[in-house]
Amino acid sequence: MGSTATVSAPEGSPAVSPAEAACCTPTFTRVLTEAEAEPLAKVFKAVADPARIRLLSIIENEDDGEACVCHLTEPLGLSQPTVSHHLKILVEAGLLTRTKRGRWSYYAVVEPALQEFGTLLNRG
């Protein structure tokens, strides 16, 4: 017959056999530190809004690689203050850069940041 040995478990938890414990052994080789996870969380929060994803798409697909805020309101059907708020969040997350020319702001995608984000998503 098989072994009836058990592995100690935290108080209040049922004891498990060595075979059951082995199946629960972590297989990951690296865990992000809190310092590494923080900027990633900021990026995930930034792209968690459909309007922001659309903004990234519009700007990334511009012929010259940048877009004036004045050209971004109509495609989204949002007011200029709302679009500016979304753009600010994307800049703070490191996904866009902002260049001021006179009274207008121009936005461009930070390609390395977008590629890193895409790589992160493709790991799963």
PDB file of N, CA and C in Angstrom:
ATOM      1  N   MET A   1       0.829  -1.179   0.000  1.00  0.00           N
ATOM      2  CA  MET A   1       0.000   0.000   0.000  1.00  0.00           C
ATOM      3  C   MET A   1       0.869   1.236   0.000  1.00  0.00           C
ATOM      4  N   GLY A   2       0.304   2.395  -0.335  1.00  0.00           N
ATOM      5  CA  GLY A   2       1.050   3.646  -0.418  1.00  0.00           C
ATOM      6  C   GLY A   2       1.336   4.225   0.941  1.00  0.00           C
ATOM      7  N   SER A   3       2.218   5.197   0.946  1.00  0.00           N
ATOM      8  CA  SER A   3       2.612   5.874   2.169  1.00  0.00           C
ATOM      9  C   SER A   3       1.496   6.785   2.646  1.00  0.00           C
ATOM     10  N   THR A   4       1.373   6.891   3.947  1.00  0.00           N
ATOM     11  CA  THR A   4       0.355   7.769   4.519  1.00  0.00           C
ATOM     12  C   THR A   4       0.998   8.974   5.187  1.00  0.00           C
ATOM     13  N   ALA A   5       2.267   9.249   4.877  1.00  0.00           N
ATOM     14  CA  ALA A   5       2.951  10.397   5.471  1.00  0.00           C
ATOM     15  C   ALA A   5       2.277  11.682   5.012  1.00  0.00           C
ATOM     16  N   THR A   6       2.342  12.676   5.861  1.00  0.00           N
ATOM     17  CA  THR A   6       1.745  13.964   5.506  1.00  0.00           C
ATOM     18  C   THR A   6       2.779  15.062   5.651  1.00  0.00           C
ATOM     19  N   VAL A   7       2.519  16.165   5.002  1.00  0.00           N
ATOM     20  CA  VAL A   7       3.355  17.352   5.091  1.00  0.00           C
ATOM     21  C   VAL A   7       2.628  18.318   5.989  1.00  0.00           C
ATOM     22  N   SER A   8       3.350  18.924   6.930  1.00  0.00           N
ATOM     23  CA  SER A   8       2.669  19.833   7.838  1.00  0.00           C
ATOM     24  C   SER A   8       2.145  21.043   7.081  1.00  0.00           C
ATOM     25  N   ALA A   9       0.988  21.501   7.507  1.00  0.00           N
ATOM     26  CA  ALA A   9       0.332  22.637   6.876  1.00  0.00           C
ATOM     27  C   ALA A   9       0.041  23.666   7.950  1.00  0.00           C
ATOM     28  N   PRO A  10      -0.238  24.890   7.556  1.00  0.00           N
ATOM     29  CA  PRO A  10      -0.573  25.906   8.547  1.00  0.00           C
ATOM     30  C   PRO A  10      -1.760  25.460   9.387  1.00  0.00           C
ATOM     31  N   GLU A  11      -1.798  25.912  10.627  1.00  0.00           N
ATOM     32  CA  GLU A  11      -2.860  25.526  11.534  1.00  0.00           C
ATOM     33  C   GLU A  11      -4.214  25.853  10.928  1.00  0.00           C
ATOM     34  N   GLY A  12      -5.131  24.928  11.029  1.00  0.00           N
ATOM     35  CA  GLY A  12      -6.462  25.106  10.475  1.00  0.00           C
ATOM     36  C   GLY A  12      -6.584  24.613   9.045  1.00  0.00           C
ATOM     37  N   SER A  13      -5.446  24.327   8.395  1.00  0.00           N
ATOM     38  CA  SER A  13      -5.469  23.811   7.028  1.00  0.00           C
ATOM     39  C   SER A  13      -5.314  22.308   7.075  1.00  0.00           C
ATOM     40  N   PRO A  14      -5.930  21.596   6.153  1.00  0.00           N
ATOM     41  CA  PRO A  14      -5.771  20.136   6.156  1.00  0.00           C
ATOM     42  C   PRO A  14      -4.348  19.746   5.766  1.00  0.00           C
ATOM     43  N   ALA A  15      -3.855  18.656   6.353  1.00  0.00           N
ATOM     44  CA  ALA A  15      -2.530  18.141   5.998  1.00  0.00           C
ATOM     45  C   ALA A  15      -2.594  17.565   4.589  1.00  0.00           C
ATOM     46  N   VAL A  16      -1.476  17.631   3.875  1.00  0.00           N
ATOM     47  CA  VAL A  16      -1.423  17.103   2.525  1.00  0.00           C
ATOM     48  C   VAL A  16      -0.318  16.074   2.416  1.00  0.00           C
ATOM     49  N   SER A  17      -0.487  15.166   1.463  1.00  0.00           N
ATOM     50  CA  SER A  17       0.532  14.150   1.252  1.00  0.00           C
ATOM     51  C   SER A  17       1.700  14.771   0.498  1.00  0.00           C
ATOM     52  N   PRO A  18       2.901  14.122   0.525  1.00  0.00           N
ATOM     53  CA  PRO A  18       4.038  14.653  -0.236  1.00  0.00           C
ATOM     54  C   PRO A  18       3.722  14.804  -1.723  1.00  0.00           C
ATOM     55  N   ALA A  19       2.927  13.890  -2.295  1.00  0.00           N
ATOM     56  CA  ALA A  19       2.582  13.984  -3.711  1.00  0.00           C
ATOM     57  C   ALA A  19       1.742  15.225  -3.976  1.00  0.00           C
ATOM     58  N   GLU A  20       0.803  15.500  -3.086  1.00  0.00           N
ATOM     59  CA  GLU A  20      -0.029  16.695  -3.242  1.00  0.00           C
ATOM     60  C   GLU A  20       0.813  17.957  -3.075  1.00  0.00           C
ATOM     61  N   ALA A  21       1.748  17.942  -2.137  1.00  0.00           N
ATOM     62  CA  ALA A  21       2.605  19.107  -1.914  1.00  0.00           C
ATOM     63  C   ALA A  21       3.488  19.361  -3.134  1.00  0.00           C
ATOM     64  N   ALA A  22       3.958  18.291  -3.793  1.00  0.00           N
ATOM     65  CA  ALA A  22       4.837  18.437  -4.948  1.00  0.00           C
ATOM     66  C   ALA A  22       4.113  19.112  -6.106  1.00  0.00           C
ATOM     67  N   CYS A  23       2.830  18.861  -6.252  1.00  0.00           N
ATOM     68  CA  CYS A  23       2.107  19.465  -7.363  1.00  0.00           C
ATOM     69  C   CYS A  23       1.915  20.963  -7.147  1.00  0.00           C
ATOM     70  N   CYS A  24       2.082  21.398  -5.964  1.00  0.00           N
ATOM     71  CA  CYS A  24       1.885  22.812  -5.647  1.00  0.00           C
ATOM     72  C   CYS A  24       3.204  23.574  -5.537  1.00  0.00           C
ATOM     73  N   THR A  25       4.294  22.928  -5.897  1.00  0.00           N
ATOM     74  CA  THR A  25       5.590  23.583  -5.840  1.00  0.00           C
ATOM     75  C   THR A  25       5.649  24.656  -6.916  1.00  0.00           C
ATOM     76  N   PRO A  26       5.995  25.884  -6.532  1.00  0.00           N
ATOM     77  CA  PRO A  26       6.066  26.960  -7.528  1.00  0.00           C
ATOM     78  C   PRO A  26       7.079  26.628  -8.624  1.00  0.00           C
ATOM     79  N   THR A  27       6.723  26.980  -9.867  1.00  0.00           N
ATOM     80  CA  THR A  27       7.610  26.707 -10.997  1.00  0.00           C
ATOM     81  C   THR A  27       8.200  27.989 -11.584  1.00  0.00           C
ATOM     82  N   PHE A  28       7.830  29.134 -11.028  1.00  0.00           N
ATOM     83  CA  PHE A  28       8.350  30.383 -11.576  1.00  0.00           C
ATOM     84  C   PHE A  28       9.820  30.540 -11.197  1.00  0.00           C
ATOM     85  N   THR A  29      10.546  31.230 -12.059  1.00  0.00           N
ATOM     86  CA  THR A  29      11.978  31.414 -11.815  1.00  0.00           C
ATOM     87  C   THR A  29      12.302  32.828 -11.355  1.00  0.00           C
ATOM     88  N   ARG A  30      11.392  33.750 -11.603  1.00  0.00           N
ATOM     89  CA  ARG A  30      11.659  35.131 -11.218  1.00  0.00           C
ATOM     90  C   ARG A  30      10.356  35.833 -10.902  1.00  0.00           C
ATOM     91  N   VAL A  31      10.366  36.625  -9.857  1.00  0.00           N
ATOM     92  CA  VAL A  31       9.214  37.421  -9.476  1.00  0.00           C
ATOM     93  C   VAL A  31       9.631  38.882  -9.538  1.00  0.00           C
ATOM     94  N   LEU A  32       8.795  39.715 -10.152  1.00  0.00           N
ATOM     95  CA  LEU A  32       9.096  41.140 -10.209  1.00  0.00           C
ATOM     96  C   LEU A  32       9.160  41.721  -8.803  1.00  0.00           C
ATOM     97  N   THR A  33      10.084  42.641  -8.625  1.00  0.00           N
ATOM     98  CA  THR A  33      10.130  43.354  -7.354  1.00  0.00           C
ATOM     99  C   THR A  33       9.024  44.397  -7.356  1.00  0.00           C
ATOM    100  N   GLU A  34       8.740  44.938  -6.204  1.00  0.00           N
ATOM    101  CA  GLU A  34       7.723  45.985  -6.130  1.00  0.00           C
ATOM    102  C   GLU A  34       8.136  47.190  -6.971  1.00  0.00           C
ATOM    103  N   ALA A  35       9.429  47.512  -6.964  1.00  0.00           N
ATOM    104  CA  ALA A  35       9.930  48.642  -7.749  1.00  0.00           C
ATOM    105  C   ALA A  35       9.775  48.390  -9.253  1.00  0.00           C
ATOM    106  N   GLU A  36       9.890  47.140  -9.681  1.00  0.00           N
ATOM    107  CA  GLU A  36       9.712  46.802 -11.095  1.00  0.00           C
ATOM    108  C   GLU A  36       8.228  46.766 -11.474  1.00  0.00           C
ATOM    109  N   ALA A  37       7.402  46.342 -10.553  1.00  0.00           N
ATOM    110  CA  ALA A  37       5.972  46.199 -10.828  1.00  0.00           C
ATOM    111  C   ALA A  37       5.251  47.542 -10.868  1.00  0.00           C
ATOM    112  N   GLU A  38       5.728  48.501 -10.109  1.00  0.00           N
ATOM    113  CA  GLU A  38       5.051  49.802 -10.019  1.00  0.00           C
ATOM    114  C   GLU A  38       4.898  50.496 -11.369  1.00  0.00           C
ATOM    115  N   PRO A  39       5.973  50.668 -12.168  1.00  0.00           N
ATOM    116  CA  PRO A  39       5.785  51.324 -13.465  1.00  0.00           C
ATOM    117  C   PRO A  39       4.920  50.501 -14.426  1.00  0.00           C
ATOM    118  N   LEU A  40       5.000  49.181 -14.320  1.00  0.00           N
ATOM    119  CA  LEU A  40       4.148  48.338 -15.172  1.00  0.00           C
ATOM    120  C   LEU A  40       2.679  48.526 -14.816  1.00  0.00           C
ATOM    121  N   ALA A  41       2.403  48.632 -13.526  1.00  0.00           N
ATOM    122  CA  ALA A  41       1.023  48.848 -13.088  1.00  0.00           C
ATOM    123  C   ALA A  41       0.505  50.181 -13.623  1.00  0.00           C
ATOM    124  N   LYS A  42       1.375  51.183 -13.650  1.00  0.00           N
ATOM    125  CA  LYS A  42       0.990  52.492 -14.179  1.00  0.00           C
ATOM    126  C   LYS A  42       0.628  52.383 -15.665  1.00  0.00           C
ATOM    127  N   VAL A  43       1.389  51.593 -16.406  1.00  0.00           N
ATOM    128  CA  VAL A  43       1.097  51.397 -17.827  1.00  0.00           C
ATOM    129  C   VAL A  43      -0.229  50.662 -17.989  1.00  0.00           C
ATOM    130  N   PHE A  44      -0.433  49.609 -17.208  1.00  0.00           N
ATOM    131  CA  PHE A  44      -1.693  48.868 -17.304  1.00  0.00           C
ATOM    132  C   PHE A  44      -2.883  49.764 -16.975  1.00  0.00           C
ATOM    133  N   LYS A  45      -2.750  50.611 -15.950  1.00  0.00           N
ATOM    134  CA  LYS A  45      -3.829  51.540 -15.610  1.00  0.00           C
ATOM    135  C   LYS A  45      -4.070  52.514 -16.757  1.00  0.00           C
ATOM    136  N   ALA A  46      -2.995  52.967 -17.380  1.00  0.00           N
ATOM    137  CA  ALA A  46      -3.124  53.939 -18.470  1.00  0.00           C
ATOM    138  C   ALA A  46      -3.855  53.358 -19.669  1.00  0.00           C
ATOM    139  N   VAL A  47      -3.624  52.108 -19.986  1.00  0.00           N
ATOM    140  CA  VAL A  47      -4.266  51.510 -21.165  1.00  0.00           C
ATOM    141  C   VAL A  47      -5.570  50.796 -20.820  1.00  0.00           C
ATOM    142  N   ALA A  48      -6.025  50.942 -19.594  1.00  0.00           N
ATOM    143  CA  ALA A  48      -7.256  50.270 -19.172  1.00  0.00           C
ATOM    144  C   ALA A  48      -8.509  51.023 -19.622  1.00  0.00           C
ATOM    145  N   ASP A  49      -8.334  52.067 -20.401  1.00  0.00           N
ATOM    146  CA  ASP A  49      -9.467  52.848 -20.879  1.00  0.00           C
ATOM    147  C   ASP A  49      -9.516  52.776 -22.402  1.00  0.00           C
ATOM    148  N   PRO A  50     -10.663  52.447 -22.981  1.00  0.00           N
ATOM    149  CA  PRO A  50     -10.756  52.326 -24.442  1.00  0.00           C
ATOM    150  C   PRO A  50     -10.353  53.607 -25.184  1.00  0.00           C
ATOM    151  N   ALA A  51     -10.671  54.764 -24.637  1.00  0.00           N
ATOM    152  CA  ALA A  51     -10.313  56.024 -25.304  1.00  0.00           C
ATOM    153  C   ALA A  51      -8.795  56.159 -25.390  1.00  0.00           C
ATOM    154  N   ARG A  52      -8.083  55.729 -24.369  1.00  0.00           N
ATOM    155  CA  ARG A  52      -6.615  55.834 -24.381  1.00  0.00           C
ATOM    156  C   ARG A  52      -5.999  54.859 -25.375  1.00  0.00           C
ATOM    157  N   ILE A  53      -6.566  53.685 -25.471  1.00  0.00           N
ATOM    158  CA  ILE A  53      -6.073  52.725 -26.466  1.00  0.00           C
ATOM    159  C   ILE A  53      -6.311  53.285 -27.871  1.00  0.00           C
ATOM    160  N   ARG A  54      -7.458  53.893 -28.071  1.00  0.00           N
ATOM    161  CA  ARG A  54      -7.759  54.498 -29.372  1.00  0.00           C
ATOM    162  C   ARG A  54      -6.792  55.643 -29.666  1.00  0.00           C
ATOM    163  N   LEU A  55      -6.490  56.459 -28.652  1.00  0.00           N
ATOM    164  CA  LEU A  55      -5.531  57.549 -28.843  1.00  0.00           C
ATOM    165  C   LEU A  55      -4.171  57.012 -29.266  1.00  0.00           C
ATOM    166  N   LEU A  56      -3.693  55.981 -28.587  1.00  0.00           N
ATOM    167  CA  LEU A  56      -2.415  55.374 -28.966  1.00  0.00           C
ATOM    168  C   LEU A  56      -2.446  54.903 -30.415  1.00  0.00           C
ATOM    169  N   SER A  57      -3.544  54.284 -30.803  1.00  0.00           N
ATOM    170  CA  SER A  57      -3.681  53.768 -32.161  1.00  0.00           C
ATOM    171  C   SER A  57      -3.674  54.900 -33.184  1.00  0.00           C
ATOM    172  N   ILE A  58      -4.418  55.949 -32.899  1.00  0.00           N
ATOM    173  CA  ILE A  58      -4.488  57.083 -33.833  1.00  0.00           C
ATOM    174  C   ILE A  58      -3.109  57.716 -33.988  1.00  0.00           C
ATOM    175  N   ILE A  59      -2.461  57.999 -32.865  1.00  0.00           N
ATOM    176  CA  ILE A  59      -1.158  58.680 -32.912  1.00  0.00           C
ATOM    177  C   ILE A  59      -0.115  57.793 -33.577  1.00  0.00           C
ATOM    178  N   GLU A  60      -0.106  56.535 -33.240  1.00  0.00           N
ATOM    179  CA  GLU A  60       0.881  55.612 -33.812  1.00  0.00           C
ATOM    180  C   GLU A  60       0.724  55.495 -35.334  1.00  0.00           C
ATOM    181  N   ASN A  61      -0.477  55.644 -35.823  1.00  0.00           N
ATOM    182  CA  ASN A  61      -0.724  55.486 -37.254  1.00  0.00           C
ATOM    183  C   ASN A  61      -0.680  56.798 -38.048  1.00  0.00           C
ATOM    184  N   GLU A  62      -0.331  57.883 -37.401  1.00  0.00           N
ATOM    185  CA  GLU A  62      -0.162  59.155 -38.118  1.00  0.00           C
ATOM    186  C   GLU A  62       1.042  59.039 -39.055  1.00  0.00           C
ATOM    187  N   ASP A  63       0.944  59.656 -40.234  1.00  0.00           N
ATOM    188  CA  ASP A  63       2.025  59.590 -41.225  1.00  0.00           C
ATOM    189  C   ASP A  63       3.359  60.085 -40.681  1.00  0.00           C
ATOM    190  N   ASP A  64       3.342  61.194 -39.933  1.00  0.00           N
ATOM    191  CA  ASP A  64       4.596  61.733 -39.411  1.00  0.00           C
ATOM    192  C   ASP A  64       4.883  61.281 -37.980  1.00  0.00           C
ATOM    193  N   GLY A  65       4.070  60.369 -37.454  1.00  0.00           N
ATOM    194  CA  GLY A  65       4.326  59.787 -36.148  1.00  0.00           C
ATOM    195  C   GLY A  65       3.923  60.637 -34.966  1.00  0.00           C
ATOM    196  N   GLU A  66       3.221  61.737 -35.215  1.00  0.00           N
ATOM    197  CA  GLU A  66       2.748  62.562 -34.116  1.00  0.00           C
ATOM    198  C   GLU A  66       1.413  63.186 -34.492  1.00  0.00           C
ATOM    199  N   ALA A  67       0.678  63.629 -33.462  1.00  0.00           N
ATOM    200  CA  ALA A  67      -0.623  64.230 -33.695  1.00  0.00           C
ATOM    201  C   ALA A  67      -0.827  65.404 -32.762  1.00  0.00           C
ATOM    202  N   CYS A  68      -1.460  66.434 -33.299  1.00  0.00           N
ATOM    203  CA  CYS A  68      -1.817  67.605 -32.514  1.00  0.00           C
ATOM    204  C   CYS A  68      -3.095  67.280 -31.736  1.00  0.00           C
ATOM    205  N   VAL A  69      -3.152  67.762 -30.518  1.00  0.00           N
ATOM    206  CA  VAL A  69      -4.336  67.523 -29.697  1.00  0.00           C
ATOM    207  C   VAL A  69      -5.594  68.021 -30.402  1.00  0.00           C
ATOM    208  N   CYS A  70      -5.467  69.073 -31.208  1.00  0.00           N
ATOM    209  CA  CYS A  70      -6.633  69.625 -31.899  1.00  0.00           C
ATOM    210  C   CYS A  70      -7.221  68.650 -32.915  1.00  0.00           C
ATOM    211  N   HIS A  71      -6.453  67.652 -33.353  1.00  0.00           N
ATOM    212  CA  HIS A  71      -6.938  66.674 -34.327  1.00  0.00           C
ATOM    213  C   HIS A  71      -7.435  65.374 -33.686  1.00  0.00           C
ATOM    214  N   LEU A  72      -7.378  65.310 -32.367  1.00  0.00           N
ATOM    215  CA  LEU A  72      -7.727  64.052 -31.693  1.00  0.00           C
ATOM    216  C   LEU A  72      -9.133  64.048 -31.097  1.00  0.00           C
ATOM    217  N   THR A  73      -9.751  65.190 -31.006  1.00  0.00           N
ATOM    218  CA  THR A  73     -11.072  65.234 -30.379  1.00  0.00           C
ATOM    219  C   THR A  73     -12.160  64.648 -31.281  1.00  0.00           C
ATOM    220  N   GLU A  74     -12.145  65.029 -32.547  1.00  0.00           N
ATOM    221  CA  GLU A  74     -13.204  64.577 -33.465  1.00  0.00           C
ATOM    222  C   GLU A  74     -13.258  63.056 -33.631  1.00  0.00           C
ATOM    223  N   PRO A  75     -12.119  62.377 -33.879  1.00  0.00           N
ATOM    224  CA  PRO A  75     -12.207  60.912 -34.054  1.00  0.00           C
ATOM    225  C   PRO A  75     -12.751  60.189 -32.826  1.00  0.00           C
ATOM    226  N   LEU A  76     -12.513  60.755 -31.639  1.00  0.00           N
ATOM    227  CA  LEU A  76     -12.986  60.099 -30.414  1.00  0.00           C
ATOM    228  C   LEU A  76     -14.375  60.559 -29.996  1.00  0.00           C
ATOM    229  N   GLY A  77     -14.803  61.703 -30.525  1.00  0.00           N
ATOM    230  CA  GLY A  77     -16.102  62.237 -30.116  1.00  0.00           C
ATOM    231  C   GLY A  77     -16.092  62.711 -28.677  1.00  0.00           C
ATOM    232  N   LEU A  78     -14.927  63.177 -28.216  1.00  0.00           N
ATOM    233  CA  LEU A  78     -14.785  63.655 -26.839  1.00  0.00           C
ATOM    234  C   LEU A  78     -14.364  65.117 -26.852  1.00  0.00           C
ATOM    235  N   SER A  79     -14.609  65.805 -25.744  1.00  0.00           N
ATOM    236  CA  SER A  79     -14.214  67.211 -25.649  1.00  0.00           C
ATOM    237  C   SER A  79     -12.694  67.329 -25.532  1.00  0.00           C
ATOM    238  N   GLN A  80     -12.184  68.504 -25.878  1.00  0.00           N
ATOM    239  CA  GLN A  80     -10.742  68.737 -25.805  1.00  0.00           C
ATOM    240  C   GLN A  80     -10.202  68.546 -24.388  1.00  0.00           C
ATOM    241  N   PRO A  81     -10.871  69.032 -23.317  1.00  0.00           N
ATOM    242  CA  PRO A  81     -10.351  68.786 -21.972  1.00  0.00           C
ATOM    243  C   PRO A  81     -10.282  67.297 -21.616  1.00  0.00           C
ATOM    244  N   THR A  82     -11.263  66.525 -22.078  1.00  0.00           N
ATOM    245  CA  THR A  82     -11.258  65.085 -21.799  1.00  0.00           C
ATOM    246  C   THR A  82     -10.119  64.395 -22.537  1.00  0.00           C
ATOM    247  N   VAL A  83      -9.930  64.744 -23.792  1.00  0.00           N
ATOM    248  CA  VAL A  83      -8.825  64.161 -24.567  1.00  0.00           C
ATOM    249  C   VAL A  83      -7.497  64.551 -23.943  1.00  0.00           C
ATOM    250  N   SER A  84      -7.358  65.803 -23.534  1.00  0.00           N
ATOM    251  CA  SER A  84      -6.110  66.247 -22.886  1.00  0.00           C
ATOM    252  C   SER A  84      -5.846  65.476 -21.603  1.00  0.00           C
ATOM    253  N   HIS A  85      -6.884  65.194 -20.853  1.00  0.00           N
ATOM    254  CA  HIS A  85      -6.730  64.401 -19.621  1.00  0.00           C
ATOM    255  C   HIS A  85      -6.207  62.997 -19.950  1.00  0.00           C
ATOM    256  N   HIS A  86      -6.786  62.361 -20.954  1.00  0.00           N
ATOM    257  CA  HIS A  86      -6.337  61.026 -21.347  1.00  0.00           C
ATOM    258  C   HIS A  86      -4.888  61.058 -21.851  1.00  0.00           C
ATOM    259  N   LEU A  87      -4.554  62.083 -22.616  1.00  0.00           N
ATOM    260  CA  LEU A  87      -3.187  62.215 -23.124  1.00  0.00           C
ATOM    261  C   LEU A  87      -2.191  62.404 -21.980  1.00  0.00           C
ATOM    262  N   LYS A  88      -2.570  63.186 -20.987  1.00  0.00           N
ATOM    263  CA  LYS A  88      -1.700  63.409 -19.823  1.00  0.00           C
ATOM    264  C   LYS A  88      -1.385  62.087 -19.117  1.00  0.00           C
ATOM    265  N   ILE A  89      -2.375  61.254 -18.968  1.00  0.00           N
ATOM    266  CA  ILE A  89      -2.173  59.952 -18.318  1.00  0.00           C
ATOM    267  C   ILE A  89      -1.230  59.088 -19.141  1.00  0.00           C
ATOM    268  N   LEU A  90      -1.372  59.102 -20.449  1.00  0.00           N
ATOM    269  CA  LEU A  90      -0.488  58.316 -21.320  1.00  0.00           C
ATOM    270  C   LEU A  90       0.945  58.851 -21.288  1.00  0.00           C
ATOM    271  N   VAL A  91       1.098  60.163 -21.184  1.00  0.00           N
ATOM    272  CA  VAL A  91       2.440  60.751 -21.057  1.00  0.00           C
ATOM    273  C   VAL A  91       3.057  60.344 -19.726  1.00  0.00           C
ATOM    274  N   GLU A  92       2.297  60.452 -18.647  1.00  0.00           N
ATOM    275  CA  GLU A  92       2.803  60.089 -17.313  1.00  0.00           C
ATOM    276  C   GLU A  92       3.196  58.617 -17.237  1.00  0.00           C
ATOM    277  N   ALA A  93       2.530  57.772 -18.010  1.00  0.00           N
ATOM    278  CA  ALA A  93       2.846  56.340 -18.029  1.00  0.00           C
ATOM    279  C   ALA A  93       4.047  56.039 -18.920  1.00  0.00           C
ATOM    280  N   GLY A  94       4.537  57.055 -19.637  1.00  0.00           N
ATOM    281  CA  GLY A  94       5.710  56.862 -20.482  1.00  0.00           C
ATOM    282  C   GLY A  94       5.412  56.308 -21.863  1.00  0.00           C
ATOM    283  N   LEU A  95       4.140  56.316 -22.262  1.00  0.00           N
ATOM    284  CA  LEU A  95       3.766  55.769 -23.562  1.00  0.00           C
ATOM    285  C   LEU A  95       3.745  56.823 -24.666  1.00  0.00           C
ATOM    286  N   LEU A  96       3.622  58.099 -24.287  1.00  0.00           N
ATOM    287  CA  LEU A  96       3.621  59.200 -25.236  1.00  0.00           C
ATOM    288  C   LEU A  96       4.594  60.282 -24.783  1.00  0.00           C
ATOM    289  N   THR A  97       5.080  61.056 -25.754  1.00  0.00           N
ATOM    290  CA  THR A  97       5.826  62.274 -25.438  1.00  0.00           C
ATOM    291  C   THR A  97       4.953  63.452 -25.863  1.00  0.00           C
ATOM    292  N   ARG A  98       5.202  64.587 -25.246  1.00  0.00           N
ATOM    293  CA  ARG A  98       4.447  65.803 -25.551  1.00  0.00           C
ATOM    294  C   ARG A  98       5.420  66.910 -25.916  1.00  0.00           C
ATOM    295  N   THR A  99       5.174  67.553 -27.049  1.00  0.00           N
ATOM    296  CA  THR A  99       5.983  68.680 -27.491  1.00  0.00           C
ATOM    297  C   THR A  99       5.050  69.862 -27.688  1.00  0.00           C
ATOM    298  N   LYS A 100       5.382  70.977 -27.073  1.00  0.00           N
ATOM    299  CA  LYS A 100       4.562  72.176 -27.190  1.00  0.00           C
ATOM    300  C   LYS A 100       5.106  73.039 -28.319  1.00  0.00           C
ATOM    301  N   ARG A 101       4.230  73.456 -29.237  1.00  0.00           N
ATOM    302  CA  ARG A 101       4.580  74.350 -30.341  1.00  0.00           C
ATOM    303  C   ARG A 101       3.568  75.475 -30.347  1.00  0.00           C
ATOM    304  N   GLY A 102       4.009  76.625 -29.877  1.00  0.00           N
ATOM    305  CA  GLY A 102       3.070  77.730 -29.744  1.00  0.00           C
ATOM    306  C   GLY A 102       2.025  77.365 -28.714  1.00  0.00           C
ATOM    307  N   ARG A 103       0.769  77.454 -29.115  1.00  0.00           N
ATOM    308  CA  ARG A 103      -0.293  77.111 -28.159  1.00  0.00           C
ATOM    309  C   ARG A 103      -0.782  75.674 -28.296  1.00  0.00           C
ATOM    310  N   TRP A 104      -0.223  74.918 -29.229  1.00  0.00           N
ATOM    311  CA  TRP A 104      -0.672  73.545 -29.458  1.00  0.00           C
ATOM    312  C   TRP A 104       0.330  72.532 -28.926  1.00  0.00           C
ATOM    313  N   SER A 105      -0.192  71.421 -28.479  1.00  0.00           N
ATOM    314  CA  SER A 105       0.646  70.312 -28.025  1.00  0.00           C
ATOM    315  C   SER A 105       0.567  69.181 -29.038  1.00  0.00           C
ATOM    316  N   TYR A 106       1.738  68.609 -29.327  1.00  0.00           N
ATOM    317  CA  TYR A 106       1.833  67.480 -30.249  1.00  0.00           C
ATOM    318  C   TYR A 106       2.292  66.253 -29.470  1.00  0.00           C
ATOM    319  N   TYR A 107       1.720  65.122 -29.784  1.00  0.00           N
ATOM    320  CA  TYR A 107       1.996  63.881 -29.066  1.00  0.00           C
ATOM    321  C   TYR A 107       2.557  62.841 -30.020  1.00  0.00           C
ATOM    322  N   ALA A 108       3.533  62.089 -29.518  1.00  0.00           N
ATOM    323  CA  ALA A 108       4.137  61.001 -30.294  1.00  0.00           C
ATOM    324  C   ALA A 108       4.262  59.776 -29.396  1.00  0.00           C
ATOM    325  N   VAL A 109       4.145  58.614 -29.998  1.00  0.00           N
ATOM    326  CA  VAL A 109       4.268  57.349 -29.268  1.00  0.00           C
ATOM    327  C   VAL A 109       5.729  57.099 -28.942  1.00  0.00           C
ATOM    328  N   VAL A 110       5.997  56.626 -27.736  1.00  0.00           N
ATOM    329  CA  VAL A 110       7.337  56.209 -27.335  1.00  0.00           C
ATOM    330  C   VAL A 110       7.447  54.732 -27.733  1.00  0.00           C
ATOM    331  N   GLU A 111       8.009  54.501 -28.916  1.00  0.00           N
ATOM    332  CA  GLU A 111       8.039  53.146 -29.477  1.00  0.00           C
ATOM    333  C   GLU A 111       8.663  52.101 -28.546  1.00  0.00           C
ATOM    334  N   PRO A 112       9.829  52.368 -27.929  1.00  0.00           N
ATOM    335  CA  PRO A 112      10.395  51.337 -27.044  1.00  0.00           C
ATOM    336  C   PRO A 112       9.450  50.954 -25.898  1.00  0.00           C
ATOM    337  N   ALA A 113       8.738  51.932 -25.354  1.00  0.00           N
ATOM    338  CA  ALA A 113       7.805  51.634 -24.257  1.00  0.00           C
ATOM    339  C   ALA A 113       6.642  50.795 -24.759  1.00  0.00           C
ATOM    340  N   LEU A 114       6.155  51.125 -25.942  1.00  0.00           N
ATOM    341  CA  LEU A 114       5.047  50.358 -26.513  1.00  0.00           C
ATOM    342  C   LEU A 114       5.488  48.937 -26.866  1.00  0.00           C
ATOM    343  N   GLN A 115       6.696  48.800 -27.386  1.00  0.00           N
ATOM    344  CA  GLN A 115       7.223  47.475 -27.713  1.00  0.00           C
ATOM    345  C   GLN A 115       7.428  46.649 -26.447  1.00  0.00           C
ATOM    346  N   GLU A 116       7.936  47.277 -25.397  1.00  0.00           N
ATOM    347  CA  GLU A 116       8.145  46.565 -24.127  1.00  0.00           C
ATOM    348  C   GLU A 116       6.809  46.089 -23.564  1.00  0.00           C
ATOM    349  N   PHE A 117       5.810  46.943 -23.644  1.00  0.00           N
ATOM    350  CA  PHE A 117       4.472  46.572 -23.189  1.00  0.00           C
ATOM    351  C   PHE A 117       3.933  45.401 -23.995  1.00  0.00           C
ATOM    352  N   GLY A 118       4.115  45.444 -25.307  1.00  0.00           N
ATOM    353  CA  GLY A 118       3.673  44.351 -26.170  1.00  0.00           C
ATOM    354  C   GLY A 118       4.402  43.054 -25.865  1.00  0.00           C
ATOM    355  N   THR A 119       5.698  43.156 -25.611  1.00  0.00           N
ATOM    356  CA  THR A 119       6.484  41.973 -25.249  1.00  0.00           C
ATOM    357  C   THR A 119       5.963  41.373 -23.949  1.00  0.00           C
ATOM    358  N   LEU A 120       5.664  42.221 -23.005  1.00  0.00           N
ATOM    359  CA  LEU A 120       5.130  41.761 -21.720  1.00  0.00           C
ATOM    360  C   LEU A 120       3.821  41.005 -21.930  1.00  0.00           C
ATOM    361  N   LEU A 121       2.956  41.520 -22.785  1.00  0.00           N
ATOM    362  CA  LEU A 121       1.673  40.865 -23.036  1.00  0.00           C
ATOM    363  C   LEU A 121       1.849  39.536 -23.763  1.00  0.00           C
ATOM    364  N   ASN A 122       2.855  39.444 -24.618  1.00  0.00           N
ATOM    365  CA  ASN A 122       3.081  38.222 -25.396  1.00  0.00           C
ATOM    366  C   ASN A 122       3.744  37.114 -24.596  1.00  0.00           C
ATOM    367  N   ARG A 123       4.264  37.405 -23.431  1.00  0.00           N
ATOM    368  CA  ARG A 123       4.911  36.373 -22.611  1.00  0.00           C
ATOM    369  C   ARG A 123       3.928  35.345 -22.107  1.00  0.00           C
ATOM    370  N   GLY A 124       2.670  35.751 -21.954  1.00  0.00           N
ATOM    371  CA  GLY A 124       1.667  34.848 -21.400  1.00  0.00           C
ATOM    372  C   GLY A 124       1.302  33.832 -22.388  1.00  0.00           C
TER     373      GLY A 124
END
